[in-house]
Amino acid sequence: MAGIGKRMRPHTLTVPKPLLPVAGKPMVQHLVEDICKMTGENITEIGFVIGNFGKEVENNLLKVAEKMGAKGKIFYQKEALGTAHAVLCAAEMLEGRIIVAFADTLFRGEVKIDSSKDGVIWVQKVEDPKPFGVVKLDKQNIITDFVEKPQEFVSDLAIIGIYYFKDGAFLRNEMQYLIDNDLKEKGEYQITNALESMKKKGTKFTVAQVAEWLDCGNKDAMIFTNRRILETKPDRKNTTKLENSIVIQPCYIDESVSLKNSVVGPFVSIGANTKIENSVVADSIIQNSSSISNSIISTSMIGSYVQIEGTQDNLSIGDYNQFKN
């Protein structure tokens, strides 16, 4: 999760993308919880590969691990040199059975890990495979080829960014070989090249398909993902501070939120200490300590400490801004 999240600006100017809230929780927390659930056993360590995000962010990540009963560790990727380089930053953790996940990948589906397999790659069928790494399968559902961002059709099974490895040290050694020998593809060290080498040396990778792959790559994708999680996950809150207001479910509304003369929902997530007055809000994510008055907004992302007054619009506003008509 070391990227700077350019496609999510202005929201990632103050908060790393994986810590942006979706349905009341940082997206990375949703991912960690879902992965822990699908393992069926206790996760003992969780490592986070990050950029220079600051101590507050690091402490929040360590708390995410602690909530799952695991020890959290922080690692740094100082230069964006590709997926294999990023994972290798956590080299000390690459031993035994491991799961590797990219932190802007959320998913739906009851998937259980078969820990007896050499490796499992999570995939999803996509209409346009060109932007993704894809896999080809044989009749036994074993991966025969890894292809990074194919410009001609070879498969529509895109790798979503979640992997299980029975032998983490084997993966570590193959990624280290790429870096030691400067073996790049499209200018970066790709994890798919390490997987291809492992396959040639006898590792049998199978696939697991998720019911739904939820993208968090841009504002509209985040709004859609927020909607789907609110629809499908029961752990939602709702404020009791209602004054002549209506909440149309499903919503996540922190208990400290104040609603006055307003209609909120459906598919709205609102963080702590936000106040909404004389407004209609639907299909939106609003973070902490913001104020919205005399407005009608939908399909919007609003940061923390934002003041909005007198507008009717589809908005994307980062932290500490004012928007008035």
Protein backbone atom coordinates (compact mmCIF):
# COMPACT_ATOMS: atom_id res chain seq x y z
CA MET A 1 0.00 0.00 0.00
CA ALA A 2 2.92 2.33 -0.71
CA GLY A 3 1.41 4.15 -3.70
CA ILE A 4 0.40 7.80 -3.50
CA GLY A 5 -3.08 7.29 -4.97
CA LYS A 6 -2.99 9.85 -7.79
CA ARG A 7 -6.38 8.81 -9.18
CA MET A 8 -8.01 9.49 -5.81
CA ARG A 9 -6.79 13.07 -5.46
CA PRO A 10 -7.68 15.34 -3.63
CA HIS A 11 -8.63 12.75 -0.98
CA THR A 12 -5.16 11.18 -0.89
CA LEU A 13 -3.37 14.47 -0.31
CA THR A 14 -3.89 14.05 3.44
CA VAL A 15 -4.79 10.34 3.85
CA PRO A 16 -3.23 7.29 2.13
CA LYS A 17 -5.76 5.64 -0.18
CA PRO A 18 -6.04 2.35 1.79
CA LEU A 19 -7.08 4.34 4.87
CA LEU A 20 -9.94 6.11 3.13
CA PRO A 21 -13.23 5.01 4.69
CA VAL A 22 -15.71 2.73 2.95
CA ALA A 23 -18.94 1.91 4.82
CA GLY A 24 -17.47 3.18 8.08
CA LYS A 25 -14.05 1.47 8.00
CA PRO A 26 -10.76 2.07 6.20
CA MET A 27 -10.66 -0.06 3.06
CA VAL A 28 -7.53 -1.86 4.31
CA GLN A 29 -9.42 -2.89 7.45
CA HIS A 30 -12.21 -4.43 5.36
CA LEU A 31 -9.57 -6.35 3.40
CA VAL A 32 -7.74 -7.61 6.49
CA GLU A 33 -10.99 -8.73 8.11
CA ASP A 34 -12.16 -10.56 5.00
CA ILE A 35 -8.83 -12.32 4.51
CA CYS A 36 -8.70 -13.41 8.15
CA LYS A 37 -12.22 -14.78 7.80
CA MET A 38 -11.41 -16.83 4.69
CA THR A 39 -8.32 -18.47 6.24
CA GLY A 40 -10.36 -20.25 8.89
CA GLU A 41 -7.47 -19.99 11.35
CA ASN A 42 -5.58 -17.38 13.35
CA ILE A 43 -3.31 -14.96 11.51
CA THR A 44 -0.27 -14.30 13.70
CA GLU A 45 1.44 -11.44 11.83
CA ILE A 46 0.25 -8.74 9.42
CA GLY A 47 2.81 -6.63 7.58
CA PHE A 48 1.99 -3.32 5.89
CA VAL A 49 4.26 -2.08 3.09
CA ILE A 50 3.85 1.70 2.99
CA GLY A 51 5.49 4.93 1.86
CA ASN A 52 6.37 7.79 4.20
CA PHE A 53 2.87 8.18 5.63
CA GLY A 54 3.79 9.36 9.15
CA LYS A 55 3.48 7.89 12.63
CA GLU A 56 -0.27 8.46 13.00
CA VAL A 57 -0.97 6.34 9.93
CA GLU A 58 1.46 3.67 11.10
CA ASN A 59 -0.23 3.52 14.52
CA ASN A 60 -3.65 3.18 12.88
CA LEU A 61 -2.39 0.26 10.79
CA LEU A 62 -0.92 -1.47 13.82
CA LYS A 63 -4.33 -1.13 15.50
CA VAL A 64 -5.97 -2.84 12.49
CA ALA A 65 -3.66 -5.83 13.03
CA GLU A 66 -4.25 -5.77 16.79
CA LYS A 67 -8.04 -5.96 16.29
CA MET A 68 -7.48 -9.25 14.45
CA GLY A 69 -5.31 -10.64 17.24
CA ALA A 70 -2.15 -10.33 15.16
CA LYS A 71 1.17 -8.56 15.55
CA GLY A 72 1.48 -5.67 13.09
CA LYS A 73 4.71 -4.76 11.33
CA ILE A 74 5.53 -1.74 9.19
CA PHE A 75 7.79 -1.87 6.12
CA TYR A 76 8.73 0.92 3.72
CA GLN A 77 8.91 1.01 -0.07
CA LYS A 78 10.87 4.18 -0.75
CA GLU A 79 10.71 3.94 -4.55
CA ALA A 80 7.90 2.61 -6.77
CA LEU A 81 9.72 -0.23 -8.53
CA GLY A 82 6.88 -2.69 -9.05
CA THR A 83 4.83 -5.32 -7.26
CA ALA A 84 7.67 -7.80 -6.67
CA HIS A 85 9.84 -5.06 -5.18
CA ALA A 86 6.97 -3.94 -2.93
CA VAL A 87 6.32 -7.42 -1.53
CA LEU A 88 10.04 -8.03 -1.05
CA CYS A 89 10.21 -5.01 1.25
CA ALA A 90 8.60 -7.35 3.82
CA ALA A 91 11.22 -10.04 3.17
CA GLU A 92 11.54 -11.03 6.83
CA MET A 93 7.89 -12.16 6.83
CA LEU A 94 8.18 -14.32 3.70
CA GLU A 95 8.50 -17.69 5.39
CA GLY A 96 6.10 -20.62 5.48
CA ARG A 97 2.44 -20.10 4.59
CA ILE A 98 1.66 -16.51 3.64
CA ILE A 99 -1.02 -14.38 2.00
CA VAL A 100 -0.08 -11.39 -0.13
CA ALA A 101 -2.73 -8.77 -0.85
CA PHE A 102 -2.79 -5.35 -2.48
CA ALA A 103 -4.65 -2.95 -0.24
CA ASP A 104 -7.06 -1.38 -2.75
CA THR A 105 -8.57 -4.78 -3.57
CA LEU A 106 -11.91 -5.47 -1.91
CA PHE A 107 -14.03 -8.47 -2.78
CA ARG A 108 -17.23 -10.34 -2.03
CA GLY A 109 -17.60 -14.09 -1.86
CA GLU A 110 -17.30 -17.00 0.54
CA VAL A 111 -13.81 -18.13 -0.46
CA LYS A 112 -11.87 -20.55 1.75
CA ILE A 113 -8.15 -21.17 1.41
CA ASP A 114 -7.05 -24.75 0.76
CA SER A 115 -3.73 -24.57 2.59
CA SER A 116 -2.61 -27.91 1.10
CA LYS A 117 -2.22 -26.27 -2.33
CA ASP A 118 1.16 -24.96 -3.48
CA GLY A 119 -0.44 -21.62 -4.27
CA VAL A 120 -3.79 -20.01 -4.96
CA ILE A 121 -4.31 -16.90 -7.10
CA TRP A 122 -7.59 -14.98 -6.78
CA VAL A 123 -9.08 -14.00 -10.14
CA GLN A 124 -12.18 -12.46 -11.66
CA LYS A 125 -13.50 -12.43 -15.22
CA VAL A 126 -13.26 -8.98 -16.81
CA GLU A 127 -14.52 -7.52 -20.07
CA ASP A 128 -11.23 -5.80 -20.93
CA PRO A 129 -8.16 -7.68 -19.64
CA LYS A 130 -5.60 -5.24 -21.10
CA PRO A 131 -5.01 -3.26 -17.86
CA PHE A 132 -4.48 -6.39 -15.74
CA GLY A 133 -2.25 -9.37 -15.21
CA VAL A 134 -4.16 -12.45 -16.37
CA VAL A 135 -3.81 -16.24 -16.14
CA LYS A 136 -4.42 -19.15 -18.51
CA LEU A 137 -5.64 -22.51 -17.14
CA ASP A 138 -5.49 -26.16 -18.14
CA LYS A 139 -8.39 -28.63 -17.78
CA GLN A 140 -7.42 -29.35 -14.16
CA ASN A 141 -7.76 -25.65 -13.24
CA ILE A 142 -3.97 -25.35 -12.91
CA ILE A 143 -2.37 -22.13 -14.16
CA THR A 144 -0.31 -22.64 -17.30
CA ASP A 145 0.65 -19.01 -18.04
CA PHE A 146 0.91 -15.62 -16.36
CA VAL A 147 0.61 -12.69 -18.76
CA GLU A 148 1.08 -9.07 -17.63
CA LYS A 149 -1.30 -6.55 -19.28
CA PRO A 150 -1.84 -8.42 -22.58
CA GLN A 151 -2.54 -6.20 -25.57
CA GLU A 152 -3.95 -9.17 -27.50
CA PHE A 153 -6.53 -11.50 -25.95
CA VAL A 154 -5.10 -14.50 -24.14
CA SER A 155 -7.48 -14.78 -21.16
CA ASP A 156 -10.21 -12.81 -19.39
CA LEU A 157 -9.25 -14.07 -15.90
CA ALA A 158 -7.68 -11.04 -14.23
CA ILE A 159 -5.52 -11.37 -11.13
CA ILE A 160 -7.25 -9.25 -8.49
CA GLY A 161 -4.26 -8.92 -6.15
CA ILE A 162 -4.70 -11.64 -3.49
CA TYR A 163 -2.34 -14.64 -3.38
CA TYR A 164 -1.74 -17.63 -1.10
CA PHE A 165 1.68 -19.31 -1.00
CA LYS A 166 2.51 -22.50 0.86
CA ASP A 167 6.23 -21.65 0.71
CA GLY A 168 6.86 -17.95 1.30
CA ALA A 169 10.63 -18.38 1.15
CA PHE A 170 10.39 -19.75 -2.38
CA LEU A 171 8.51 -16.62 -3.46
CA ARG A 172 11.03 -14.40 -1.67
CA ASN A 173 13.98 -16.03 -3.42
CA GLU A 174 12.39 -15.73 -6.86
CA MET A 175 11.59 -12.04 -6.37
CA GLN A 176 15.11 -11.42 -5.09
CA TYR A 177 16.48 -13.10 -8.24
CA LEU A 178 14.53 -10.60 -10.38
CA ILE A 179 16.05 -7.66 -8.55
CA ASP A 180 19.58 -9.09 -8.35
CA ASN A 181 19.55 -9.64 -12.12
CA ASP A 182 17.58 -6.46 -12.96
CA LEU A 183 14.85 -8.44 -14.71
CA LYS A 184 12.10 -5.89 -15.32
CA GLU A 185 8.94 -5.92 -17.39
CA LYS A 186 7.40 -2.65 -18.50
CA GLY A 187 10.05 -0.91 -16.39
CA GLU A 188 9.20 -2.63 -13.09
CA TYR A 189 9.85 -5.81 -11.14
CA GLN A 190 6.61 -7.79 -11.55
CA ILE A 191 5.37 -10.42 -9.13
CA THR A 192 3.94 -12.33 -12.11
CA ASN A 193 7.49 -12.94 -13.36
CA ALA A 194 8.39 -14.52 -10.02
CA LEU A 195 5.24 -16.65 -10.19
CA GLU A 196 6.12 -17.79 -13.72
CA SER A 197 9.56 -18.89 -12.52
CA MET A 198 8.05 -20.76 -9.56
CA LYS A 199 5.64 -22.51 -11.92
CA LYS A 200 8.46 -23.63 -14.21
CA LYS A 201 10.24 -25.09 -11.16
CA GLY A 202 7.23 -27.21 -10.21
CA THR A 203 4.85 -25.04 -8.18
CA LYS A 204 1.23 -25.78 -9.11
CA PHE A 205 -0.92 -22.68 -8.83
CA THR A 206 -4.70 -22.98 -8.79
CA VAL A 207 -7.26 -20.19 -8.92
CA ALA A 208 -10.10 -19.06 -6.70
CA GLN A 209 -12.83 -16.85 -8.11
CA VAL A 210 -14.56 -14.19 -6.04
CA ALA A 211 -18.24 -13.40 -6.42
CA GLU A 212 -17.50 -9.71 -6.94
CA TRP A 213 -14.32 -7.66 -7.26
CA LEU A 214 -14.78 -4.19 -5.82
CA ASP A 215 -12.50 -1.51 -7.21
CA CYS A 216 -11.40 1.51 -5.17
CA GLY A 217 -9.33 3.18 -7.86
CA ASN A 218 -11.24 6.45 -8.26
CA LYS A 219 -14.07 8.45 -6.72
CA ASP A 220 -16.95 6.85 -8.63
CA ALA A 221 -15.56 3.36 -8.00
CA MET A 222 -15.33 4.14 -4.28
CA ILE A 223 -18.96 5.28 -4.22
CA PHE A 224 -20.05 2.05 -5.91
CA THR A 225 -17.96 -0.07 -3.52
CA ASN A 226 -19.42 1.80 -0.54
CA ARG A 227 -22.90 1.00 -1.88
CA ARG A 228 -22.17 -2.72 -2.33
CA ILE A 229 -20.63 -3.12 1.13
CA LEU A 230 -23.57 -1.34 2.77
CA GLU A 231 -25.91 -3.68 0.90
CA THR A 232 -24.12 -6.86 1.88
CA LYS A 233 -22.49 -6.38 5.31
CA PRO A 234 -24.65 -6.20 8.44
CA ASP A 235 -22.21 -4.36 10.76
CA ARG A 236 -23.68 -0.87 10.32
CA LYS A 237 -24.24 1.94 12.82
CA ASN A 238 -26.80 4.72 12.84
CA THR A 239 -26.98 7.91 14.84
CA THR A 240 -29.75 8.58 17.32
CA LYS A 241 -29.25 12.35 17.01
CA LEU A 242 -32.18 12.90 14.65
CA GLU A 243 -34.16 16.14 14.64
CA ASN A 244 -37.01 16.11 12.14
CA SER A 245 -34.89 13.91 9.86
CA ILE A 246 -35.20 10.63 7.96
CA VAL A 247 -32.57 7.97 7.29
CA ILE A 248 -33.22 5.71 4.28
CA GLN A 249 -31.31 2.47 4.74
CA PRO A 250 -28.79 1.06 4.15
CA CYS A 251 -26.43 3.63 5.66
CA TYR A 252 -23.48 3.81 8.03
CA ILE A 253 -23.86 6.89 10.24
CA ASP A 254 -21.55 7.32 13.21
CA GLU A 255 -23.32 7.66 16.54
CA SER A 256 -21.94 11.20 17.01
CA VAL A 257 -23.43 12.52 13.72
CA SER A 258 -26.16 15.15 14.03
CA LEU A 259 -29.00 15.30 11.47
CA LYS A 260 -31.47 18.19 11.46
CA ASN A 261 -34.31 18.76 8.96
CA SER A 262 -32.62 16.41 6.52
CA VAL A 263 -33.07 13.24 4.48
CA VAL A 264 -30.03 10.95 4.34
CA GLY A 265 -29.70 7.77 2.29
CA PRO A 266 -29.74 5.33 0.80
CA PHE A 267 -26.08 4.24 0.52
CA VAL A 268 -24.53 6.98 2.64
CA SER A 269 -21.55 6.64 5.00
CA ILE A 270 -20.88 9.47 7.48
CA GLY A 271 -17.94 9.72 9.87
CA ALA A 272 -17.73 11.03 13.43
CA ASN A 273 -18.89 14.51 14.50
CA THR A 274 -20.31 15.53 11.13
CA LYS A 275 -23.40 17.76 11.08
CA ILE A 276 -26.03 17.86 8.33
CA GLU A 277 -28.82 20.43 8.35
CA ASN A 278 -31.61 21.32 5.88
CA SER A 279 -30.11 18.96 3.30
CA VAL A 280 -30.65 15.84 1.21
CA VAL A 281 -27.73 13.43 0.89
CA ALA A 282 -27.69 10.16 -1.07
CA ASP A 283 -25.12 7.66 -2.38
CA SER A 284 -22.14 9.44 -0.81
CA ILE A 285 -19.17 9.09 1.55
CA ILE A 286 -18.65 11.90 4.08
CA GLN A 287 -15.76 11.76 6.53
CA ASN A 288 -15.26 13.28 9.98
CA SER A 289 -16.11 16.68 11.49
CA SER A 290 -17.66 18.13 8.34
CA SER A 291 -20.70 20.38 8.00
CA ILE A 292 -23.33 20.32 5.23
CA SER A 293 -26.23 22.76 5.17
CA ASN A 294 -28.95 23.83 2.73
CA SER A 295 -27.63 21.44 0.09
CA ILE A 296 -28.64 18.53 -2.12
CA ILE A 297 -25.74 16.23 -2.90
CA SER A 298 -25.38 12.74 -4.33
CA THR A 299 -22.65 10.46 -5.71
CA SER A 300 -20.15 12.52 -3.72
CA MET A 301 -17.00 12.07 -1.66
CA ILE A 302 -16.46 14.66 1.06
CA GLY A 303 -13.35 14.70 3.24
CA SER A 304 -12.90 15.73 6.89
CA TYR A 305 -13.30 19.29 8.23
CA VAL A 306 -15.20 20.37 5.10
CA GLN A 307 -17.92 23.03 5.07
CA ILE A 308 -20.57 22.87 2.33
CA GLU A 309 -23.43 25.33 2.09
CA GLY A 310 -26.13 25.96 -0.48
CA THR A 311 -25.15 23.63 -3.31
CA GLN A 312 -26.77 21.01 -5.53
CA ASP A 313 -24.06 18.91 -7.08
CA ASN A 314 -21.99 15.76 -7.49
CA LEU A 315 -18.90 16.63 -5.43
CA SER A 316 -15.37 15.43 -4.74
CA ILE A 317 -13.89 17.62 -2.01
CA GLY A 318 -10.77 16.91 0.04
CA ASP A 319 -10.07 17.75 3.67
CA TYR A 320 -10.17 21.29 5.10
CA ASN A 321 -12.09 22.91 2.24
CA GLN A 322 -15.11 25.19 2.02
CA PHE A 323 -17.68 25.03 -0.77
CA LYS A 324 -20.44 27.64 -0.79
CA ASN A 325 -22.90 28.94 -3.40
